[in-house]
PDB file of N, CA and C in Angstrom:
ATOM      1  N   MET A   1      54.257 132.206 -21.613  1.00  0.00           N
ATOM      2  CA  MET A   1      53.597 133.118 -20.685  1.00  0.00           C
ATOM      3  C   MET A   1      52.826 134.152 -21.489  1.00  0.00           C
ATOM      4  N   SER A   2      51.571 134.311 -21.183  1.00  0.00           N
ATOM      5  CA  SER A   2      50.746 135.285 -21.882  1.00  0.00           C
ATOM      6  C   SER A   2      51.006 136.680 -21.317  1.00  0.00           C
ATOM      7  N   TRP A   3      50.623 137.693 -22.061  1.00  0.00           N
ATOM      8  CA  TRP A   3      50.850 139.080 -21.626  1.00  0.00           C
ATOM      9  C   TRP A   3      50.032 139.427 -20.393  1.00  0.00           C
ATOM     10  N   ILE A   4      49.016 138.626 -20.118  1.00  0.00           N
ATOM     11  CA  ILE A   4      48.183 138.908 -18.943  1.00  0.00           C
ATOM     12  C   ILE A   4      48.662 138.145 -17.704  1.00  0.00           C
ATOM     13  N   ASP A   5      49.566 137.192 -17.897  1.00  0.00           N
ATOM     14  CA  ASP A   5      50.101 136.425 -16.773  1.00  0.00           C
ATOM     15  C   ASP A   5      51.323 137.118 -16.176  1.00  0.00           C
ATOM     16  N   THR A   6      51.099 138.307 -15.674  1.00  0.00           N
ATOM     17  CA  THR A   6      52.201 139.031 -15.053  1.00  0.00           C
ATOM     18  C   THR A   6      52.471 138.442 -13.674  1.00  0.00           C
ATOM     19  N   PRO A   7      53.668 138.637 -13.140  1.00  0.00           N
ATOM     20  CA  PRO A   7      53.950 138.123 -11.794  1.00  0.00           C
ATOM     21  C   PRO A   7      52.966 138.650 -10.742  1.00  0.00           C
ATOM     22  N   ASN A   8      52.583 139.916 -10.865  1.00  0.00           N
ATOM     23  CA  ASN A   8      51.624 140.478  -9.901  1.00  0.00           C
ATOM     24  C   ASN A   8      50.265 139.799  -9.997  1.00  0.00           C
ATOM     25  N   LEU A   9      49.799 139.562 -11.214  1.00  0.00           N
ATOM     26  CA  LEU A   9      48.495 138.911 -11.377  1.00  0.00           C
ATOM     27  C   LEU A   9      48.536 137.465 -10.905  1.00  0.00           C
ATOM     28  N   LEU A  10      49.630 136.779 -11.157  1.00  0.00           N
ATOM     29  CA  LEU A  10      49.749 135.394 -10.682  1.00  0.00           C
ATOM     30  C   LEU A  10      49.766 135.340  -9.157  1.00  0.00           C
ATOM     31  N   LEU A  11      50.450 136.293  -8.537  1.00  0.00           N
ATOM     32  CA  LEU A  11      50.476 136.345  -7.073  1.00  0.00           C
ATOM     33  C   LEU A  11      49.098 136.690  -6.515  1.00  0.00           C
ATOM     34  N   LEU A  12      48.401 137.624  -7.159  1.00  0.00           N
ATOM     35  CA  LEU A  12      47.041 137.960  -6.730  1.00  0.00           C
ATOM     36  C   LEU A  12      46.109 136.761  -6.870  1.00  0.00           C
ATOM     37  N   GLN A  13      46.282 136.007  -7.946  1.00  0.00           N
ATOM     38  CA  GLN A  13      45.470 134.806  -8.131  1.00  0.00           C
ATOM     39  C   GLN A  13      45.698 133.823  -6.981  1.00  0.00           C
ATOM     40  N   ARG A  14      46.944 133.608  -6.642  1.00  0.00           N
ATOM     41  CA  ARG A  14      47.281 132.690  -5.543  1.00  0.00           C
ATOM     42  C   ARG A  14      46.727 133.211  -4.211  1.00  0.00           C
ATOM     43  N   TYR A  15      46.859 134.532  -4.013  1.00  0.00           N
ATOM     44  CA  TYR A  15      46.344 135.176  -2.803  1.00  0.00           C
ATOM     45  C   TYR A  15      44.837 134.928  -2.679  1.00  0.00           C
ATOM     46  N   LEU A  16      44.108 135.155  -3.769  1.00  0.00           N
ATOM     47  CA  LEU A  16      42.659 134.956  -3.740  1.00  0.00           C
ATOM     48  C   LEU A  16      42.295 133.487  -3.561  1.00  0.00           C
ATOM     49  N   ASP A  17      43.075 132.580  -4.139  1.00  0.00           N
ATOM     50  CA  ASP A  17      42.827 131.148  -3.938  1.00  0.00           C
ATOM     51  C   ASP A  17      42.988 130.764  -2.463  1.00  0.00           C
ATOM     52  N   ILE A  18      44.049 131.272  -1.841  1.00  0.00           N
ATOM     53  CA  ILE A  18      44.290 130.975  -0.429  1.00  0.00           C
ATOM     54  C   ILE A  18      43.182 131.582   0.427  1.00  0.00           C
ATOM     55  N   ALA A  19      42.797 132.823   0.125  1.00  0.00           N
ATOM     56  CA  ALA A  19      41.737 133.486   0.883  1.00  0.00           C
ATOM     57  C   ALA A  19      40.407 132.750   0.733  1.00  0.00           C
ATOM     58  N   ALA A  20      40.107 132.279  -0.470  1.00  0.00           N
ATOM     59  CA  ALA A  20      38.857 131.551  -0.688  1.00  0.00           C
ATOM     60  C   ALA A  20      38.848 130.237   0.089  1.00  0.00           C
ATOM     61  N   MET A  21      39.986 129.555   0.100  1.00  0.00           N
ATOM     62  CA  MET A  21      40.053 128.304   0.850  1.00  0.00           C
ATOM     63  C   MET A  21      39.880 128.564   2.348  1.00  0.00           C
ATOM     64  N   ARG A  22      40.499 129.627   2.829  1.00  0.00           N
ATOM     65  CA  ARG A  22      40.367 129.946   4.253  1.00  0.00           C
ATOM     66  C   ARG A  22      38.925 130.308   4.581  1.00  0.00           C
ATOM     67  N   GLN A  23      38.272 131.046   3.703  1.00  0.00           N
ATOM     68  CA  GLN A  23      36.877 131.403   3.941  1.00  0.00           C
ATOM     69  C   GLN A  23      36.001 130.148   3.987  1.00  0.00           C
ATOM     70  N   THR A  24      36.289 129.189   3.140  1.00  0.00           N
ATOM     71  CA  THR A  24      35.555 127.924   3.153  1.00  0.00           C
ATOM     72  C   THR A  24      35.767 127.189   4.479  1.00  0.00           C
ATOM     73  N   LEU A  25      37.005 127.171   4.957  1.00  0.00           N
ATOM     74  CA  LEU A  25      37.290 126.519   6.236  1.00  0.00           C
ATOM     75  C   LEU A  25      36.555 127.201   7.389  1.00  0.00           C
ATOM     76  N   VAL A  26      36.553 128.528   7.392  1.00  0.00           N
ATOM     77  CA  VAL A  26      35.870 129.266   8.460  1.00  0.00           C
ATOM     78  C   VAL A  26      34.368 128.978   8.419  1.00  0.00           C
ATOM     79  N   ALA A  27      33.793 128.960   7.215  1.00  0.00           N
ATOM     80  CA  ALA A  27      32.366 128.648   7.085  1.00  0.00           C
ATOM     81  C   ALA A  27      32.071 127.220   7.557  1.00  0.00           C
ATOM     82  N   THR A  28      32.977 126.290   7.264  1.00  0.00           N
ATOM     83  CA  THR A  28      32.820 124.914   7.719  1.00  0.00           C
ATOM     84  C   THR A  28      32.889 124.842   9.246  1.00  0.00           C
ATOM     85  N   ASN A  29      33.813 125.609   9.830  1.00  0.00           N
ATOM     86  CA  ASN A  29      33.914 125.648  11.291  1.00  0.00           C
ATOM     87  C   ASN A  29      32.611 126.142  11.910  1.00  0.00           C
ATOM     88  N   ILE A  30      32.060 127.210  11.345  1.00  0.00           N
ATOM     89  CA  ILE A  30      30.808 127.763  11.872  1.00  0.00           C
ATOM     90  C   ILE A  30      29.674 126.749  11.712  1.00  0.00           C
ATOM     91  N   ALA A  31      29.638 126.072  10.568  1.00  0.00           N
ATOM     92  CA  ALA A  31      28.583 125.081  10.337  1.00  0.00           C
ATOM     93  C   ALA A  31      28.662 123.921  11.322  1.00  0.00           C
ATOM     94  N   ASN A  32      29.849 123.664  11.864  1.00  0.00           N
ATOM     95  CA  ASN A  32      30.045 122.547  12.791  1.00  0.00           C
ATOM     96  C   ASN A  32      30.132 122.980  14.248  1.00  0.00           C
ATOM     97  N   VAL A  33      29.626 124.164  14.551  1.00  0.00           N
ATOM     98  CA  VAL A  33      29.721 124.675  15.917  1.00  0.00           C
ATOM     99  C   VAL A  33      29.037 123.757  16.933  1.00  0.00           C
ATOM    100  N   ASP A  34      28.045 123.008  16.504  1.00  0.00           N
ATOM    101  CA  ASP A  34      27.333 122.113  17.424  1.00  0.00           C
ATOM    102  C   ASP A  34      27.648 120.636  17.199  1.00  0.00           C
ATOM    103  N   THR A  35      28.672 120.340  16.422  1.00  0.00           N
ATOM    104  CA  THR A  35      29.044 118.953  16.154  1.00  0.00           C
ATOM    105  C   THR A  35      29.992 118.455  17.239  1.00  0.00           C
ATOM    106  N   PRO A  36      29.572 117.468  18.026  1.00  0.00           N
ATOM    107  CA  PRO A  36      30.446 116.963  19.076  1.00  0.00           C
ATOM    108  C   PRO A  36      31.774 116.439  18.516  1.00  0.00           C
ATOM    109  N   GLY A  37      32.853 116.804  19.166  1.00  0.00           N
ATOM    110  CA  GLY A  37      34.169 116.320  18.782  1.00  0.00           C
ATOM    111  C   GLY A  37      34.808 117.054  17.612  1.00  0.00           C
ATOM    112  N   TYR A  38      34.104 118.004  17.016  1.00  0.00           N
ATOM    113  CA  TYR A  38      34.672 118.724  15.874  1.00  0.00           C
ATOM    114  C   TYR A  38      35.773 119.669  16.358  1.00  0.00           C
ATOM    115  N   HIS A  39      36.874 119.700  15.625  1.00  0.00           N
ATOM    116  CA  HIS A  39      37.982 120.586  15.959  1.00  0.00           C
ATOM    117  C   HIS A  39      38.150 121.635  14.866  1.00  0.00           C
ATOM    118  N   THR A  40      38.322 122.878  15.292  1.00  0.00           N
ATOM    119  CA  THR A  40      38.489 124.003  14.375  1.00  0.00           C
ATOM    120  C   THR A  40      39.683 123.773  13.470  1.00  0.00           C
ATOM    121  N   ARG A  41      39.479 124.034  12.169  1.00  0.00           N
ATOM    122  CA  ARG A  41      40.548 123.900  11.185  1.00  0.00           C
ATOM    123  C   ARG A  41      40.820 125.254  10.539  1.00  0.00           C
ATOM    124  N   ASP A  42      42.040 125.454  10.122  1.00  0.00           N
ATOM    125  CA  ASP A  42      42.432 126.721   9.506  1.00  0.00           C
ATOM    126  C   ASP A  42      43.691 126.482   8.685  1.00  0.00           C
ATOM    127  N   ILE A  43      44.150 127.526   8.026  1.00  0.00           N
ATOM    128  CA  ILE A  43      45.436 127.490   7.346  1.00  0.00           C
ATOM    129  C   ILE A  43      46.281 128.622   7.916  1.00  0.00           C
ATOM    130  N   ASP A  44      47.575 128.485   7.809  1.00  0.00           N
ATOM    131  CA  ASP A  44      48.494 129.553   8.207  1.00  0.00           C
ATOM    132  C   ASP A  44      48.545 130.518   7.031  1.00  0.00           C
ATOM    133  N   PHE A  45      47.686 131.538   7.068  1.00  0.00           N
ATOM    134  CA  PHE A  45      47.515 132.442   5.930  1.00  0.00           C
ATOM    135  C   PHE A  45      48.830 133.114   5.535  1.00  0.00           C
ATOM    136  N   ARG A  46      49.520 133.666   6.507  1.00  0.00           N
ATOM    137  CA  ARG A  46      50.796 134.334   6.207  1.00  0.00           C
ATOM    138  C   ARG A  46      51.835 133.349   5.694  1.00  0.00           C
ATOM    139  N   GLY A  47      51.879 132.185   6.295  1.00  0.00           N
ATOM    140  CA  GLY A  47      52.816 131.155   5.845  1.00  0.00           C
ATOM    141  C   GLY A  47      52.529 130.726   4.417  1.00  0.00           C
ATOM    142  N   GLU A  48      51.250 130.601   4.088  1.00  0.00           N
ATOM    143  CA  GLU A  48      50.873 130.213   2.730  1.00  0.00           C
ATOM    144  C   GLU A  48      51.210 131.319   1.731  1.00  0.00           C
ATOM    145  N   LEU A  49      51.076 132.576   2.142  1.00  0.00           N
ATOM    146  CA  LEU A  49      51.460 133.671   1.250  1.00  0.00           C
ATOM    147  C   LEU A  49      52.962 133.669   1.019  1.00  0.00           C
ATOM    148  N   GLN A  50      53.720 133.390   2.069  1.00  0.00           N
ATOM    149  CA  GLN A  50      55.177 133.280   1.916  1.00  0.00           C
ATOM    150  C   GLN A  50      55.518 132.157   0.948  1.00  0.00           C
ATOM    151  N   ARG A  51      54.826 131.037   1.104  1.00  0.00           N
ATOM    152  CA  ARG A  51      55.063 129.894   0.233  1.00  0.00           C
ATOM    153  C   ARG A  51      54.714 130.252  -1.210  1.00  0.00           C
ATOM    154  N   ALA A  52      53.638 131.031  -1.401  1.00  0.00           N
ATOM    155  CA  ALA A  52      53.229 131.449  -2.740  1.00  0.00           C
ATOM    156  C   ALA A  52      54.251 132.398  -3.359  1.00  0.00           C
ATOM    157  N   LEU A  53      54.847 133.249  -2.532  1.00  0.00           N
ATOM    158  CA  LEU A  53      55.851 134.191  -3.038  1.00  0.00           C
ATOM    159  C   LEU A  53      57.063 133.477  -3.608  1.00  0.00           C
ATOM    160  N   PHE A  54      57.455 132.401  -2.965  1.00  0.00           N
ATOM    161  CA  PHE A  54      58.676 131.704  -3.357  1.00  0.00           C
ATOM    162  C   PHE A  54      58.408 130.375  -4.063  1.00  0.00           C
ATOM    163  N   ALA A  55      57.162 130.162  -4.476  1.00  0.00           N
ATOM    164  CA  ALA A  55      56.790 128.897  -5.114  1.00  0.00           C
ATOM    165  C   ALA A  55      57.237 128.864  -6.566  1.00  0.00           C
ATOM    166  N   VAL A  56      57.317 127.657  -7.051  1.00  0.00           N
ATOM    167  CA  VAL A  56      57.573 127.441  -8.468  1.00  0.00           C
ATOM    168  C   VAL A  56      56.329 127.907  -9.224  1.00  0.00           C
ATOM    169  N   PRO A  57      56.480 128.619 -10.347  1.00  0.00           N
ATOM    170  CA  PRO A  57      55.302 129.059 -11.105  1.00  0.00           C
ATOM    171  C   PRO A  57      54.377 127.890 -11.446  1.00  0.00           C
ATOM    172  N   ASN A  58      53.085 128.157 -11.369  1.00  0.00           N
ATOM    173  CA  ASN A  58      52.032 127.168 -11.663  1.00  0.00           C
ATOM    174  C   ASN A  58      52.078 125.962 -10.740  1.00  0.00           C
ATOM    175  N   ASP A  59      52.553 126.153  -9.503  1.00  0.00           N
ATOM    176  CA  ASP A  59      52.573 125.078  -8.511  1.00  0.00           C
ATOM    177  C   ASP A  59      51.138 124.802  -8.074  1.00  0.00           C
ATOM    178  N   PRO A  60      50.619 123.605  -8.349  1.00  0.00           N
ATOM    179  CA  PRO A  60      49.221 123.321  -8.041  1.00  0.00           C
ATOM    180  C   PRO A  60      48.956 122.909  -6.593  1.00  0.00           C
ATOM    181  N   SER A  61      49.972 122.935  -5.748  1.00  0.00           N
ATOM    182  CA  SER A  61      49.776 122.449  -4.384  1.00  0.00           C
ATOM    183  C   SER A  61      48.791 123.323  -3.611  1.00  0.00           C
ATOM    184  N   SER A  62      47.980 122.663  -2.832  1.00  0.00           N
ATOM    185  CA  SER A  62      46.972 123.349  -2.019  1.00  0.00           C
ATOM    186  C   SER A  62      47.568 123.797  -0.705  1.00  0.00           C
ATOM    187  N   PRO A  63      46.941 124.798  -0.087  1.00  0.00           N
ATOM    188  CA  PRO A  63      47.392 125.203   1.248  1.00  0.00           C
ATOM    189  C   PRO A  63      47.241 124.055   2.243  1.00  0.00           C
ATOM    190  N   TYR A  64      48.111 124.061   3.242  1.00  0.00           N
ATOM    191  CA  TYR A  64      48.069 123.032   4.282  1.00  0.00           C
ATOM    192  C   TYR A  64      47.001 123.385   5.304  1.00  0.00           C
ATOM    193  N   VAL A  65      46.086 122.457   5.524  1.00  0.00           N
ATOM    194  CA  VAL A  65      45.022 122.636   6.513  1.00  0.00           C
ATOM    195  C   VAL A  65      45.479 122.002   7.816  1.00  0.00           C
ATOM    196  N   VAL A  66      45.335 122.751   8.920  1.00  0.00           N
ATOM    197  CA  VAL A  66      45.759 122.254  10.227  1.00  0.00           C
ATOM    198  C   VAL A  66      44.644 122.462  11.246  1.00  0.00           C
ATOM    199  N   SER A  67      44.671 121.661  12.288  1.00  0.00           N
ATOM    200  CA  SER A  67      43.767 121.881  13.420  1.00  0.00           C
ATOM    201  C   SER A  67      44.317 123.027  14.244  1.00  0.00           C
ATOM    202  N   VAL A  68      43.426 123.909  14.687  1.00  0.00           N
ATOM    203  CA  VAL A  68      43.843 125.063  15.481  1.00  0.00           C
ATOM    204  C   VAL A  68      44.039 124.614  16.922  1.00  0.00           C
ATOM    205  N   ARG A  69      45.202 124.914  17.439  1.00  0.00           N
ATOM    206  CA  ARG A  69      45.513 124.534  18.827  1.00  0.00           C
ATOM    207  C   ARG A  69      45.277 125.717  19.759  1.00  0.00           C
ATOM    208  N   GLY A  70      45.085 125.407  21.016  1.00  0.00           N
ATOM    209  CA  GLY A  70      44.977 126.443  22.030  1.00  0.00           C
ATOM    210  C   GLY A  70      43.576 126.989  22.247  1.00  0.00           C
ATOM    211  N   LEU A  71      42.583 126.432  21.557  1.00  0.00           N
ATOM    212  CA  LEU A  71      41.209 126.881  21.768  1.00  0.00           C
ATOM    213  C   LEU A  71      40.572 126.032  22.868  1.00  0.00           C
ATOM    214  N   LEU A  72      39.723 126.646  23.644  1.00  0.00           N
ATOM    215  CA  LEU A  72      39.034 125.916  24.710  1.00  0.00           C
ATOM    216  C   LEU A  72      37.982 124.992  24.118  1.00  0.00           C
ATOM    217  N   ALA A  73      38.007 123.763  24.561  1.00  0.00           N
ATOM    218  CA  ALA A  73      37.024 122.789  24.093  1.00  0.00           C
ATOM    219  C   ALA A  73      35.891 122.689  25.108  1.00  0.00           C
ATOM    220  N   ARG A  74      34.697 122.494  24.594  1.00  0.00           N
ATOM    221  CA  ARG A  74      33.540 122.259  25.455  1.00  0.00           C
ATOM    222  C   ARG A  74      33.570 120.810  25.929  1.00  0.00           C
ATOM    223  N   PRO A  75      32.713 120.450  26.865  1.00  0.00           N
ATOM    224  CA  PRO A  75      32.697 119.060  27.344  1.00  0.00           C
ATOM    225  C   PRO A  75      32.469 118.020  26.240  1.00  0.00           C
ATOM    226  N   ASP A  76      31.793 118.426  25.145  1.00  0.00           N
ATOM    227  CA  ASP A  76      31.560 117.463  24.052  1.00  0.00           C
ATOM    228  C   ASP A  76      32.764 117.355  23.102  1.00  0.00           C
ATOM    229  N   GLY A  77      33.847 118.084  23.392  1.00  0.00           N
ATOM    230  CA  GLY A  77      35.060 118.004  22.590  1.00  0.00           C
ATOM    231  C   GLY A  77      35.150 119.014  21.463  1.00  0.00           C
ATOM    232  N   ASN A  78      34.080 119.745  21.200  1.00  0.00           N
ATOM    233  CA  ASN A  78      34.073 120.752  20.136  1.00  0.00           C
ATOM    234  C   ASN A  78      34.807 121.994  20.632  1.00  0.00           C
ATOM    235  N   ASN A  79      35.694 122.552  19.775  1.00  0.00           N
ATOM    236  CA  ASN A  79      36.428 123.745  20.194  1.00  0.00           C
ATOM    237  C   ASN A  79      36.190 124.948  19.283  1.00  0.00           C
ATOM    238  N   VAL A  80      35.082 124.949  18.526  1.00  0.00           N
ATOM    239  CA  VAL A  80      34.780 126.071  17.644  1.00  0.00           C
ATOM    240  C   VAL A  80      34.367 127.273  18.493  1.00  0.00           C
ATOM    241  N   ASN A  81      35.017 128.406  18.251  1.00  0.00           N
ATOM    242  CA  ASN A  81      34.702 129.659  18.936  1.00  0.00           C
ATOM    243  C   ASN A  81      34.009 130.574  17.920  1.00  0.00           C
ATOM    244  N   PRO A  82      32.678 130.756  18.043  1.00  0.00           N
ATOM    245  CA  PRO A  82      31.943 131.557  17.056  1.00  0.00           C
ATOM    246  C   PRO A  82      32.467 132.995  16.919  1.00  0.00           C
ATOM    247  N   GLU A  83      32.933 133.572  18.019  1.00  0.00           N
ATOM    248  CA  GLU A  83      33.457 134.941  17.955  1.00  0.00           C
ATOM    249  C   GLU A  83      34.731 134.992  17.107  1.00  0.00           C
ATOM    250  N   ARG A  84      35.606 134.017  17.304  1.00  0.00           N
ATOM    251  CA  ARG A  84      36.841 133.956  16.513  1.00  0.00           C
ATOM    252  C   ARG A  84      36.523 133.790  15.033  1.00  0.00           C
ATOM    253  N   GLU A  85      35.602 132.898  14.744  1.00  0.00           N
ATOM    254  CA  GLU A  85      35.250 132.629  13.350  1.00  0.00           C
ATOM    255  C   GLU A  85      34.590 133.845  12.699  1.00  0.00           C
ATOM    256  N   SER A  86      33.751 134.546  13.437  1.00  0.00           N
ATOM    257  CA  SER A  86      33.116 135.765  12.907  1.00  0.00           C
ATOM    258  C   SER A  86      34.162 136.833  12.620  1.00  0.00           C
ATOM    259  N   MET A  87      35.140 136.972  13.509  1.00  0.00           N
ATOM    260  CA  MET A  87      36.207 137.934  13.297  1.00  0.00           C
ATOM    261  C   MET A  87      37.017 137.571  12.046  1.00  0.00           C
ATOM    262  N   LEU A  88      37.284 136.281  11.862  1.00  0.00           N
ATOM    263  CA  LEU A  88      38.016 135.837  10.678  1.00  0.00           C
ATOM    264  C   LEU A  88      37.235 136.109   9.396  1.00  0.00           C
ATOM    265  N   LEU A  89      35.910 135.931   9.437  1.00  0.00           N
ATOM    266  CA  LEU A  89      35.097 136.239   8.260  1.00  0.00           C
ATOM    267  C   LEU A  89      35.192 137.719   7.903  1.00  0.00           C
ATOM    268  N   ALA A  90      35.147 138.581   8.911  1.00  0.00           N
ATOM    269  CA  ALA A  90      35.272 140.027   8.659  1.00  0.00           C
ATOM    270  C   ALA A  90      36.658 140.353   8.092  1.00  0.00           C
ATOM    271  N   GLU A  91      37.678 139.717   8.633  1.00  0.00           N
ATOM    272  CA  GLU A  91      39.048 139.910   8.140  1.00  0.00           C
ATOM    273  C   GLU A  91      39.160 139.458   6.689  1.00  0.00           C
ATOM    274  N   MET A  92      38.553 138.314   6.367  1.00  0.00           N
ATOM    275  CA  MET A  92      38.601 137.803   5.004  1.00  0.00           C
ATOM    276  C   MET A  92      37.893 138.749   4.036  1.00  0.00           C
ATOM    277  N   GLN A  93      36.799 139.343   4.474  1.00  0.00           N
ATOM    278  CA  GLN A  93      36.082 140.290   3.622  1.00  0.00           C
ATOM    279  C   GLN A  93      36.983 141.480   3.277  1.00  0.00           C
ATOM    280  N   LEU A  94      37.705 141.996   4.265  1.00  0.00           N
ATOM    281  CA  LEU A  94      38.637 143.092   4.003  1.00  0.00           C
ATOM    282  C   LEU A  94      39.765 142.659   3.068  1.00  0.00           C
ATOM    283  N   GLN A  95      40.247 141.464   3.240  1.00  0.00           N
ATOM    284  CA  GLN A  95      41.315 140.967   2.376  1.00  0.00           C
ATOM    285  C   GLN A  95      40.832 140.813   0.935  1.00  0.00           C
ATOM    286  N   PHE A  96      39.600 140.330   0.745  1.00  0.00           N
ATOM    287  CA  PHE A  96      39.052 140.213  -0.604  1.00  0.00           C
ATOM    288  C   PHE A  96      38.894 141.590  -1.241  1.00  0.00           C
ATOM    289  N   LYS A  97      38.385 142.559  -0.464  1.00  0.00           N
ATOM    290  CA  LYS A  97      38.209 143.913  -1.000  1.00  0.00           C
ATOM    291  C   LYS A  97      39.550 144.512  -1.409  1.00  0.00           C
ATOM    292  N   THR A  98      40.556 144.312  -0.593  1.00  0.00           N
ATOM    293  CA  THR A  98      41.887 144.825  -0.907  1.00  0.00           C
ATOM    294  C   THR A  98      42.431 144.178  -2.170  1.00  0.00           C
ATOM    295  N   ALA A  99      42.323 142.868  -2.258  1.00  0.00           N
ATOM    296  CA  ALA A  99      42.838 142.154  -3.422  1.00  0.00           C
ATOM    297  C   ALA A  99      42.110 142.555  -4.700  1.00  0.00           C
ATOM    298  N   THR A 100      40.800 142.725  -4.632  1.00  0.00           N
ATOM    299  CA  THR A 100      40.069 143.118  -5.838  1.00  0.00           C
ATOM    300  C   THR A 100      40.405 144.548  -6.244  1.00  0.00           C
ATOM    301  N   ALA A 101      40.689 145.416  -5.283  1.00  0.00           N
ATOM    302  CA  ALA A 101      41.108 146.787  -5.620  1.00  0.00           C
ATOM    303  C   ALA A 101      42.461 146.764  -6.331  1.00  0.00           C
ATOM    304  N   ILE A 102      43.367 145.944  -5.853  1.00  0.00           N
ATOM    305  CA  ILE A 102      44.677 145.812  -6.495  1.00  0.00           C
ATOM    306  C   ILE A 102      44.511 145.197  -7.884  1.00  0.00           C
ATOM    307  N   LEU A 103      43.638 144.220  -8.004  1.00  0.00           N
ATOM    308  CA  LEU A 103      43.378 143.571  -9.280  1.00  0.00           C
ATOM    309  C   LEU A 103      42.821 144.581 -10.290  1.00  0.00           C
ATOM    310  N   ARG A 104      41.889 145.408  -9.842  1.00  0.00           N
ATOM    311  CA  ARG A 104      41.347 146.449 -10.720  1.00  0.00           C
ATOM    312  C   ARG A 104      42.449 147.386 -11.200  1.00  0.00           C
ATOM    313  N   ALA A 105      43.345 147.760 -10.299  1.00  0.00           N
ATOM    314  CA  ALA A 105      44.450 148.649 -10.664  1.00  0.00           C
ATOM    315  C   ALA A 105      45.368 147.988 -11.691  1.00  0.00           C
ATOM    316  N   GLU A 106      45.643 146.701 -11.520  1.00  0.00           N
ATOM    317  CA  GLU A 106      46.477 145.965 -12.474  1.00  0.00           C
ATOM    318  C   GLU A 106      45.828 145.946 -13.857  1.00  0.00           C
ATOM    319  N   PHE A 107      44.520 145.667 -13.906  1.00  0.00           N
ATOM    320  CA  PHE A 107      43.831 145.640 -15.192  1.00  0.00           C
ATOM    321  C   PHE A 107      43.723 147.039 -15.805  1.00  0.00           C
ATOM    322  N   ALA A 108      43.622 148.053 -14.974  1.00  0.00           N
ATOM    323  CA  ALA A 108      43.604 149.425 -15.489  1.00  0.00           C
ATOM    324  C   ALA A 108      44.932 149.759 -16.160  1.00  0.00           C
ATOM    325  N   GLU A 109      46.038 149.297 -15.577  1.00  0.00           N
ATOM    326  CA  GLU A 109      47.352 149.511 -16.181  1.00  0.00           C
ATOM    327  C   GLU A 109      47.461 148.784 -17.517  1.00  0.00           C
ATOM    328  N   ILE A 110      46.978 147.546 -17.569  1.00  0.00           N
ATOM    329  CA  ILE A 110      47.015 146.781 -18.818  1.00  0.00           C
ATOM    330  C   ILE A 110      46.138 147.468 -19.865  1.00  0.00           C
ATOM    331  N   SER A 111      44.953 147.907 -19.466  1.00  0.00           N
ATOM    332  CA  SER A 111      44.065 148.596 -20.377  1.00  0.00           C
ATOM    333  C   SER A 111      44.688 149.879 -20.905  1.00  0.00           C
ATOM    334  N   ALA A 112      45.341 150.630 -20.037  1.00  0.00           N
ATOM    335  CA  ALA A 112      46.008 151.866 -20.457  1.00  0.00           C
ATOM    336  C   ALA A 112      47.129 151.573 -21.447  1.00  0.00           C
ATOM    337  N   ALA A 113      47.867 150.499 -21.202  1.00  0.00           N
ATOM    338  CA  ALA A 113      48.941 150.124 -22.112  1.00  0.00           C
ATOM    339  C   ALA A 113      48.407 149.728 -23.490  1.00  0.00           C
ATOM    340  N   VAL A 114      47.300 149.027 -23.502  1.00  0.00           N
ATOM    341  CA  VAL A 114      46.699 148.622 -24.769  1.00  0.00           C
ATOM    342  C   VAL A 114      46.182 149.846 -25.530  1.00  0.00           C
ATOM    343  N   LYS A 115      45.531 150.748 -24.840  1.00  0.00           N
ATOM    344  CA  LYS A 115      45.009 151.972 -25.470  1.00  0.00           C
ATOM    345  C   LYS A 115      46.156 152.837 -25.995  1.00  0.00           C
ATOM    346  N   GLU A 116      47.249 152.885 -25.250  1.00  0.00           N
ATOM    347  CA  GLU A 116      48.405 153.687 -25.653  1.00  0.00           C
ATOM    348  C   GLU A 116      49.063 153.141 -26.912  1.00  0.00           C
ATOM    349  N   SER A 117      49.012 151.836 -27.086  1.00  0.00           N
ATOM    350  CA  SER A 117      49.676 151.205 -28.223  1.00  0.00           C
ATOM    351  C   SER A 117      48.863 151.308 -29.512  1.00  0.00           C
ATOM    352  N   GLN A 118      47.616 151.747 -29.405  1.00  0.00           N
ATOM    353  CA  GLN A 118      46.762 151.831 -30.599  1.00  0.00           C
ATOM    354  C   GLN A 118      46.953 153.116 -31.341  1.00  0.00           C
TER     355      GLN A 118
END
């Protein structure tokens, strides 16, 4: 384990990986808003974070992608709700900003420790 692979940084890395995958899914949903028969896909973000908290270190498994249930489908079978997807994009933006702020703080602590040791 390198000095930069702290448990907090590894968890932040996993958090950002999950958030990036979810953002990709949301963008895919929006891109398919007019595709007949397309069903909205997502991941259980909180569930995936729980899984990341208790995962084996360096577990390469990807988040589980599921079809979203309970959304109203149009007559063509598509159930993408643009308002829901837009809200999720805004939520993801806040989550990325929060994670990068925490990441900056972690690196500031490492930088301070290195400067102190010199």
